[in-house]
PDB file of N, CA and C in Angstrom:
ATOM      1  N   MET A   1      -0.865 -10.079  -3.459  1.00  0.00           N
ATOM      2  CA  MET A   1       0.531 -10.176  -3.378  1.00  0.00           C
ATOM      3  C   MET A   1       1.129  -9.006  -2.569  1.00  0.00           C
ATOM      4  N   ALA A   2       2.037  -9.200  -1.777  1.00  0.00           N
ATOM      5  CA  ALA A   2       2.699  -8.152  -0.878  1.00  0.00           C
ATOM      6  C   ALA A   2       3.407  -7.165  -1.752  1.00  0.00           C
ATOM      7  N   LYS A   3       3.471  -5.933  -1.222  1.00  0.00           N
ATOM      8  CA  LYS A   3       4.199  -4.811  -1.896  1.00  0.00           C
ATOM      9  C   LYS A   3       5.713  -5.113  -1.634  1.00  0.00           C
ATOM     10  N   LYS A   4       6.554  -4.806  -2.563  1.00  0.00           N
ATOM     11  CA  LYS A   4       7.956  -4.998  -2.399  1.00  0.00           C
ATOM     12  C   LYS A   4       8.489  -4.013  -1.341  1.00  0.00           C
ATOM     13  N   GLN A   5       9.347  -4.457  -0.441  1.00  0.00           N
ATOM     14  CA  GLN A   5       9.890  -3.653   0.581  1.00  0.00           C
ATOM     15  C   GLN A   5      11.350  -3.489   0.375  1.00  0.00           C
ATOM     16  N   ASN A   6      11.880  -2.296   0.623  1.00  0.00           N
ATOM     17  CA  ASN A   6      13.321  -1.957   0.595  1.00  0.00           C
ATOM     18  C   ASN A   6      13.838  -1.900   2.004  1.00  0.00           C
ATOM     19  N   TYR A   7      15.033  -2.476   2.270  1.00  0.00           N
ATOM     20  CA  TYR A   7      15.617  -2.414   3.552  1.00  0.00           C
ATOM     21  C   TYR A   7      17.103  -1.869   3.412  1.00  0.00           C
ATOM     22  N   HIS A   8      17.549  -1.139   4.434  1.00  0.00           N
ATOM     23  CA  HIS A   8      18.825  -0.453   4.400  1.00  0.00           C
ATOM     24  C   HIS A   8      19.606  -1.079   5.623  1.00  0.00           C
ATOM     25  N   VAL A   9      20.912  -1.376   5.328  1.00  0.00           N
ATOM     26  CA  VAL A   9      21.839  -1.776   6.314  1.00  0.00           C
ATOM     27  C   VAL A   9      22.760  -0.621   6.514  1.00  0.00           C
ATOM     28  N   THR A  10      22.811  -0.041   7.776  1.00  0.00           N
ATOM     29  CA  THR A  10      23.583   1.119   8.068  1.00  0.00           C
ATOM     30  C   THR A  10      24.346   0.866   9.358  1.00  0.00           C
ATOM     31  N   PRO A  11      25.573   1.647   9.435  1.00  0.00           N
ATOM     32  CA  PRO A  11      26.296   1.502  10.736  1.00  0.00           C
ATOM     33  C   PRO A  11      25.613   2.326  11.808  1.00  0.00           C
ATOM     34  N   ASP A  12      25.709   1.758  13.059  1.00  0.00           N
ATOM     35  CA  ASP A  12      25.163   2.456  14.245  1.00  0.00           C
ATOM     36  C   ASP A  12      26.329   2.479  15.251  1.00  0.00           C
ATOM     37  N   PRO A  13      26.722   3.784  15.667  1.00  0.00           N
ATOM     38  CA  PRO A  13      27.957   3.784  16.587  1.00  0.00           C
ATOM     39  C   PRO A  13      27.784   3.076  17.903  1.00  0.00           C
ATOM     40  N   GLN A  14      26.650   2.927  18.451  1.00  0.00           N
ATOM     41  CA  GLN A  14      26.549   2.327  19.766  1.00  0.00           C
ATOM     42  C   GLN A  14      26.176   0.744  19.564  1.00  0.00           C
ATOM     43  N   ARG A  15      25.557   0.327  18.543  1.00  0.00           N
ATOM     44  CA  ARG A  15      25.000  -1.053  18.516  1.00  0.00           C
ATOM     45  C   ARG A  15      25.581  -1.896  17.383  1.00  0.00           C
ATOM     46  N   GLY A  16      26.489  -1.347  16.663  1.00  0.00           N
ATOM     47  CA  GLY A  16      27.056  -2.166  15.509  1.00  0.00           C
ATOM     48  C   GLY A  16      26.413  -1.811  14.205  1.00  0.00           C
ATOM     49  N   TRP A  17      25.434  -2.601  13.772  1.00  0.00           N
ATOM     50  CA  TRP A  17      24.837  -2.316  12.489  1.00  0.00           C
ATOM     51  C   TRP A  17      23.333  -2.375  12.565  1.00  0.00           C
ATOM     52  N   ALA A  18      22.602  -1.529  11.937  1.00  0.00           N
ATOM     53  CA  ALA A  18      21.094  -1.396  11.951  1.00  0.00           C
ATOM     54  C   ALA A  18      20.530  -1.892  10.611  1.00  0.00           C
ATOM     55  N   VAL A  19      19.420  -2.494  10.722  1.00  0.00           N
ATOM     56  CA  VAL A  19      18.540  -2.858   9.540  1.00  0.00           C
ATOM     57  C   VAL A  19      17.258  -2.105   9.692  1.00  0.00           C
ATOM     58  N   LYS A  20      16.934  -1.302   8.646  1.00  0.00           N
ATOM     59  CA  LYS A  20      15.700  -0.428   8.700  1.00  0.00           C
ATOM     60  C   LYS A  20      14.872  -0.527   7.462  1.00  0.00           C
ATOM     61  N   LYS A  21      13.628  -0.691   7.594  1.00  0.00           N
ATOM     62  CA  LYS A  21      12.763  -0.748   6.401  1.00  0.00           C
ATOM     63  C   LYS A  21      12.662   0.739   5.917  1.00  0.00           C
ATOM     64  N   GLU A  22      12.673   0.917   4.522  1.00  0.00           N
ATOM     65  CA  GLU A  22      12.550   2.209   4.019  1.00  0.00           C
ATOM     66  C   GLU A  22      11.176   2.797   4.381  1.00  0.00           C
ATOM     67  N   GLY A  23      11.244   3.993   4.937  1.00  0.00           N
ATOM     68  CA  GLY A  23      10.012   4.694   5.332  1.00  0.00           C
ATOM     69  C   GLY A  23       9.544   4.354   6.651  1.00  0.00           C
ATOM     70  N   GLY A  24      10.198   3.368   7.339  1.00  0.00           N
ATOM     71  CA  GLY A  24       9.795   2.918   8.751  1.00  0.00           C
ATOM     72  C   GLY A  24      10.584   3.653   9.740  1.00  0.00           C
ATOM     73  N   ASP A  25      10.153   3.420  11.046  1.00  0.00           N
ATOM     74  CA  ASP A  25      10.840   4.035  12.179  1.00  0.00           C
ATOM     75  C   ASP A  25      11.651   3.041  12.914  1.00  0.00           C
ATOM     76  N   ARG A  26      11.180   1.745  12.941  1.00  0.00           N
ATOM     77  CA  ARG A  26      11.856   0.723  13.812  1.00  0.00           C
ATOM     78  C   ARG A  26      13.094   0.263  13.106  1.00  0.00           C
ATOM     79  N   ARG A  27      14.089  -0.114  13.963  1.00  0.00           N
ATOM     80  CA  ARG A  27      15.326  -0.685  13.496  1.00  0.00           C
ATOM     81  C   ARG A  27      15.651  -2.020  14.290  1.00  0.00           C
ATOM     82  N   THR A  28      16.321  -2.896  13.619  1.00  0.00           N
ATOM     83  CA  THR A  28      16.791  -4.120  14.211  1.00  0.00           C
ATOM     84  C   THR A  28      18.301  -4.041  14.191  1.00  0.00           C
ATOM     85  N   PHE A  29      19.033  -4.487  15.296  1.00  0.00           N
ATOM     86  CA  PHE A  29      20.396  -4.347  15.323  1.00  0.00           C
ATOM     87  C   PHE A  29      21.175  -5.700  15.232  1.00  0.00           C
ATOM     88  N   ALA A  30      22.333  -5.630  14.687  1.00  0.00           N
ATOM     89  CA  ALA A  30      23.152  -6.881  14.565  1.00  0.00           C
ATOM     90  C   ALA A  30      24.606  -6.433  14.854  1.00  0.00           C
ATOM     91  N   PRO A  31      25.475  -7.399  15.456  1.00  0.00           N
ATOM     92  CA  PRO A  31      26.804  -7.011  15.737  1.00  0.00           C
ATOM     93  C   PRO A  31      27.727  -6.744  14.555  1.00  0.00           C
ATOM     94  N   THR A  32      27.518  -7.457  13.450  1.00  0.00           N
ATOM     95  CA  THR A  32      28.313  -7.307  12.242  1.00  0.00           C
ATOM     96  C   THR A  32      27.569  -6.881  11.035  1.00  0.00           C
ATOM     97  N   GLN A  33      28.236  -6.321  10.149  1.00  0.00           N
ATOM     98  CA  GLN A  33      27.560  -5.948   8.817  1.00  0.00           C
ATOM     99  C   GLN A  33      27.022  -7.171   8.178  1.00  0.00           C
ATOM    100  N   LYS A  34      27.744  -8.275   8.106  1.00  0.00           N
ATOM    101  CA  LYS A  34      27.364  -9.477   7.486  1.00  0.00           C
ATOM    102  C   LYS A  34      26.033 -10.039   8.053  1.00  0.00           C
ATOM    103  N   SER A  35      25.947 -10.097   9.388  1.00  0.00           N
ATOM    104  CA  SER A  35      24.788 -10.639   9.998  1.00  0.00           C
ATOM    105  C   SER A  35      23.582  -9.666   9.838  1.00  0.00           C
ATOM    106  N   ALA A  36      23.835  -8.280   9.757  1.00  0.00           N
ATOM    107  CA  ALA A  36      22.713  -7.382   9.528  1.00  0.00           C
ATOM    108  C   ALA A  36      22.189  -7.519   8.030  1.00  0.00           C
ATOM    109  N   GLU A  37      23.198  -7.772   7.127  1.00  0.00           N
ATOM    110  CA  GLU A  37      22.871  -7.972   5.761  1.00  0.00           C
ATOM    111  C   GLU A  37      21.965  -9.251   5.590  1.00  0.00           C
ATOM    112  N   LYS A  38      22.308 -10.304   6.319  1.00  0.00           N
ATOM    113  CA  LYS A  38      21.568 -11.488   6.214  1.00  0.00           C
ATOM    114  C   LYS A  38      20.192 -11.319   6.776  1.00  0.00           C
ATOM    115  N   LEU A  39      19.964 -10.596   7.812  1.00  0.00           N
ATOM    116  CA  LEU A  39      18.676 -10.236   8.416  1.00  0.00           C
ATOM    117  C   LEU A  39      17.855  -9.460   7.400  1.00  0.00           C
ATOM    118  N   ALA A  40      18.469  -8.465   6.842  1.00  0.00           N
ATOM    119  CA  ALA A  40      17.755  -7.629   5.811  1.00  0.00           C
ATOM    120  C   ALA A  40      17.254  -8.452   4.675  1.00  0.00           C
ATOM    121  N   LYS A  41      18.052  -9.317   4.166  1.00  0.00           N
ATOM    122  CA  LYS A  41      17.650 -10.171   3.062  1.00  0.00           C
ATOM    123  C   LYS A  41      16.512 -11.176   3.420  1.00  0.00           C
ATOM    124  N   GLN A  42      16.529 -11.633   4.664  1.00  0.00           N
ATOM    125  CA  GLN A  42      15.455 -12.441   5.134  1.00  0.00           C
ATOM    126  C   GLN A  42      14.135 -11.688   5.228  1.00  0.00           C
ATOM    127  N   PHE A  43      14.193 -10.455   5.783  1.00  0.00           N
ATOM    128  CA  PHE A  43      13.069  -9.597   5.925  1.00  0.00           C
ATOM    129  C   PHE A  43      12.440  -9.212   4.546  1.00  0.00           C
ATOM    130  N   ALA A  44      13.334  -8.847   3.578  1.00  0.00           N
ATOM    131  CA  ALA A  44      12.848  -8.494   2.243  1.00  0.00           C
ATOM    132  C   ALA A  44      12.159  -9.694   1.571  1.00  0.00           C
ATOM    133  N   THR A  45      12.811 -10.892   1.699  1.00  0.00           N
ATOM    134  CA  THR A  45      12.199 -12.044   1.027  1.00  0.00           C
ATOM    135  C   THR A  45      10.847 -12.409   1.604  1.00  0.00           C
ATOM    136  N   LYS A  46      10.651 -12.267   2.988  1.00  0.00           N
ATOM    137  CA  LYS A  46       9.444 -12.664   3.595  1.00  0.00           C
ATOM    138  C   LYS A  46       8.354 -11.583   3.318  1.00  0.00           C
ATOM    139  N   GLN A  47       8.797 -10.359   2.979  1.00  0.00           N
ATOM    140  CA  GLN A  47       7.830  -9.293   2.803  1.00  0.00           C
ATOM    141  C   GLN A  47       7.435  -9.117   1.261  1.00  0.00           C
ATOM    142  N   GLY A  48       7.788 -10.065   0.530  1.00  0.00           N
ATOM    143  CA  GLY A  48       7.364 -10.087  -0.884  1.00  0.00           C
ATOM    144  C   GLY A  48       8.513  -9.598  -1.859  1.00  0.00           C
ATOM    145  N   GLY A  49       9.724  -9.587  -1.355  1.00  0.00           N
ATOM    146  CA  GLY A  49      10.800  -9.191  -2.268  1.00  0.00           C
ATOM    147  C   GLY A  49      11.070  -7.739  -2.094  1.00  0.00           C
ATOM    148  N   GLY A  50      12.201  -7.278  -2.714  1.00  0.00           N
ATOM    149  CA  GLY A  50      12.620  -5.932  -2.659  1.00  0.00           C
ATOM    150  C   GLY A  50      14.132  -5.753  -2.720  1.00  0.00           C
ATOM    151  N   GLU A  51      14.538  -4.514  -2.470  1.00  0.00           N
ATOM    152  CA  GLU A  51      15.984  -4.164  -2.580  1.00  0.00           C
ATOM    153  C   GLU A  51      16.572  -4.167  -1.076  1.00  0.00           C
ATOM    154  N   VAL A  52      17.777  -4.708  -0.962  1.00  0.00           N
ATOM    155  CA  VAL A  52      18.527  -4.510   0.229  1.00  0.00           C
ATOM    156  C   VAL A  52      19.681  -3.611  -0.156  1.00  0.00           C
ATOM    157  N   VAL A  53      19.776  -2.491   0.493  1.00  0.00           N
ATOM    158  CA  VAL A  53      20.777  -1.435   0.270  1.00  0.00           C
ATOM    159  C   VAL A  53      21.848  -1.519   1.396  1.00  0.00           C
ATOM    160  N   ILE A  54      23.070  -1.794   1.096  1.00  0.00           N
ATOM    161  CA  ILE A  54      24.121  -1.954   2.111  1.00  0.00           C
ATOM    162  C   ILE A  54      25.023  -0.698   2.064  1.00  0.00           C
ATOM    163  N   HIS A  55      25.090  -0.047   3.225  1.00  0.00           N
ATOM    164  CA  HIS A  55      25.899   1.175   3.285  1.00  0.00           C
ATOM    165  C   HIS A  55      27.184   0.769   3.990  1.00  0.00           C
ATOM    166  N   GLY A  56      28.273   1.500   3.658  1.00  0.00           N
ATOM    167  CA  GLY A  56      29.601   1.288   4.302  1.00  0.00           C
ATOM    168  C   GLY A  56      29.642   2.027   5.615  1.00  0.00           C
ATOM    169  N   ARG A  57      30.786   1.951   6.263  1.00  0.00           N
ATOM    170  CA  ARG A  57      30.973   2.664   7.544  1.00  0.00           C
ATOM    171  C   ARG A  57      30.949   4.285   7.378  1.00  0.00           C
ATOM    172  N   ASP A  58      31.213   4.685   6.158  1.00  0.00           N
ATOM    173  CA  ASP A  58      31.086   6.120   5.852  1.00  0.00           C
ATOM    174  C   ASP A  58      29.638   6.583   5.554  1.00  0.00           C
ATOM    175  N   GLY A  59      28.694   5.631   5.464  1.00  0.00           N
ATOM    176  CA  GLY A  59      27.294   5.865   5.249  1.00  0.00           C
ATOM    177  C   GLY A  59      26.941   5.872   3.762  1.00  0.00           C
ATOM    178  N   ARG A  60      27.913   5.817   2.844  1.00  0.00           N
ATOM    179  CA  ARG A  60      27.699   5.795   1.438  1.00  0.00           C
ATOM    180  C   ARG A  60      27.245   4.364   1.072  1.00  0.00           C
ATOM    181  N   ILE A  61      26.433   4.356  -0.056  1.00  0.00           N
ATOM    182  CA  ILE A  61      25.895   3.045  -0.562  1.00  0.00           C
ATOM    183  C   ILE A  61      27.128   2.229  -1.041  1.00  0.00           C
ATOM    184  N   ARG A  62      27.316   1.044  -0.534  1.00  0.00           N
ATOM    185  CA  ARG A  62      28.423   0.108  -0.961  1.00  0.00           C
ATOM    186  C   ARG A  62      27.898  -0.897  -1.936  1.00  0.00           C
ATOM    187  N   ASP A  63      26.610  -1.352  -1.699  1.00  0.00           N
ATOM    188  CA  ASP A  63      26.201  -2.516  -2.598  1.00  0.00           C
ATOM    189  C   ASP A  63      24.639  -2.506  -2.498  1.00  0.00           C
ATOM    190  N   LYS A  64      24.062  -3.160  -3.477  1.00  0.00           N
ATOM    191  CA  LYS A  64      22.600  -3.419  -3.444  1.00  0.00           C
ATOM    192  C   LYS A  64      22.352  -4.852  -3.915  1.00  0.00           C
ATOM    193  N   ASP A  65      21.230  -5.403  -3.358  1.00  0.00           N
ATOM    194  CA  ASP A  65      20.926  -6.775  -3.727  1.00  0.00           C
ATOM    195  C   ASP A  65      19.391  -6.778  -3.948  1.00  0.00           C
ATOM    196  N   THR A  66      18.877  -7.331  -4.987  1.00  0.00           N
ATOM    197  CA  THR A  66      17.462  -7.505  -5.178  1.00  0.00           C
ATOM    198  C   THR A  66      17.003  -8.888  -4.753  1.00  0.00           C
ATOM    199  N   MET A  67      16.086  -8.995  -3.910  1.00  0.00           N
ATOM    200  CA  MET A  67      15.575 -10.227  -3.322  1.00  0.00           C
ATOM    201  C   MET A  67      14.179 -10.587  -4.024  1.00  0.00           C
ATOM    202  N   ALA A  68      14.080 -11.836  -4.332  1.00  0.00           N
ATOM    203  CA  ALA A  68      12.829 -12.411  -4.912  1.00  0.00           C
ATOM    204  C   ALA A  68      11.873 -12.713  -3.680  1.00  0.00           C
ATOM    205  N   PRO A  69      10.504 -12.686  -3.974  1.00  0.00           N
ATOM    206  CA  PRO A  69       9.636 -13.017  -2.943  1.00  0.00           C
ATOM    207  C   PRO A  69       9.752 -14.502  -2.528  1.00  0.00           C
ATOM    208  N   ALA A  70       9.374 -14.749  -1.273  1.00  0.00           N
ATOM    209  CA  ALA A  70       9.365 -16.153  -0.783  1.00  0.00           C
ATOM    210  C   ALA A  70       8.323 -16.924  -1.485  1.00  0.00           C
ATOM    211  N   LYS A  71       8.561 -18.275  -1.688  1.00  0.00           N
ATOM    212  CA  LYS A  71       7.550 -19.099  -2.317  1.00  0.00           C
ATOM    213  C   LYS A  71       6.363 -19.276  -1.392  1.00  0.00           C
ATOM    214  N   ASP A  72       5.221 -19.341  -1.896  1.00  0.00           N
ATOM    215  CA  ASP A  72       4.008 -19.483  -1.198  1.00  0.00           C
ATOM    216  C   ASP A  72       3.887 -20.927  -0.708  1.00  0.00           C
ATOM    217  N   PRO A  73       3.832 -21.021   0.651  1.00  0.00           N
ATOM    218  CA  PRO A  73       3.679 -22.514   1.187  1.00  0.00           C
ATOM    219  C   PRO A  73       2.365 -23.146   0.887  1.00  0.00           C
ATOM    220  N   PHE A  74       1.431 -22.333   0.635  1.00  0.00           N
ATOM    221  CA  PHE A  74       0.037 -22.865   0.304  1.00  0.00           C
ATOM    222  C   PHE A  74      -0.438 -22.262  -1.049  1.00  0.00           C
ATOM    223  N   PRO A  75       0.140 -22.749  -2.140  1.00  0.00           N
ATOM    224  CA  PRO A  75      -0.355 -22.127  -3.407  1.00  0.00           C
ATOM    225  C   PRO A  75      -1.795 -22.481  -3.730  1.00  0.00           C
ATOM    226  N   PRO A  76      -2.445 -21.667  -4.530  1.00  0.00           N
ATOM    227  CA  PRO A  76      -3.826 -21.962  -4.922  1.00  0.00           C
ATOM    228  C   PRO A  76      -3.906 -23.312  -5.684  1.00  0.00           C
ATOM    229  N   ARG A  77      -4.968 -23.998  -5.468  1.00  0.00           N
ATOM    230  CA  ARG A  77      -5.156 -25.340  -6.237  1.00  0.00           C
ATOM    231  C   ARG A  77      -6.191 -25.138  -7.332  1.00  0.00           C
ATOM    232  N   ASP A  78      -6.070 -25.930  -8.437  1.00  0.00           N
ATOM    233  CA  ASP A  78      -6.969 -25.928  -9.477  1.00  0.00           C
ATOM    234  C   ASP A  78      -8.241 -26.539  -9.023  1.00  0.00           C
ATOM    235  N   GLN A  79      -9.421 -25.838  -8.977  1.00  0.00           N
ATOM    236  CA  GLN A  79     -10.567 -26.363  -8.548  1.00  0.00           C
ATOM    237  C   GLN A  79     -11.492 -27.057  -9.641  1.00  0.00           C
ATOM    238  N   LYS A  80     -11.067 -26.977 -10.854  1.00  0.00           N
ATOM    239  CA  LYS A  80     -11.820 -27.607 -11.949  1.00  0.00           C
ATOM    240  C   LYS A  80     -11.522 -29.075 -12.068  1.00  0.00           C
ATOM    241  N   HIS A  81     -10.350 -29.479 -11.757  1.00  0.00           N
ATOM    242  CA  HIS A  81      -9.942 -30.830 -12.017  1.00  0.00           C
ATOM    243  C   HIS A  81      -9.760 -31.696 -10.886  1.00  0.00           C
TER     244      HIS A  81
END
């Protein structure tokens, strides 16, 4: 099972809004906060669930969402029956 990942949505003066994995260096940019939030939720779901922390224009935390892990497209099968 994948480790839960936390993502932050923060304002970026030159590129709009940034999505960054907690503890990571890379960022993904989006033109609006809503689109950045949607990206962060998709990333968190695909990476095994986690928190999406949404910051306001002033940099303070505005909201948080907990995302569940994505469903396994190939779940294990019962080998006995």
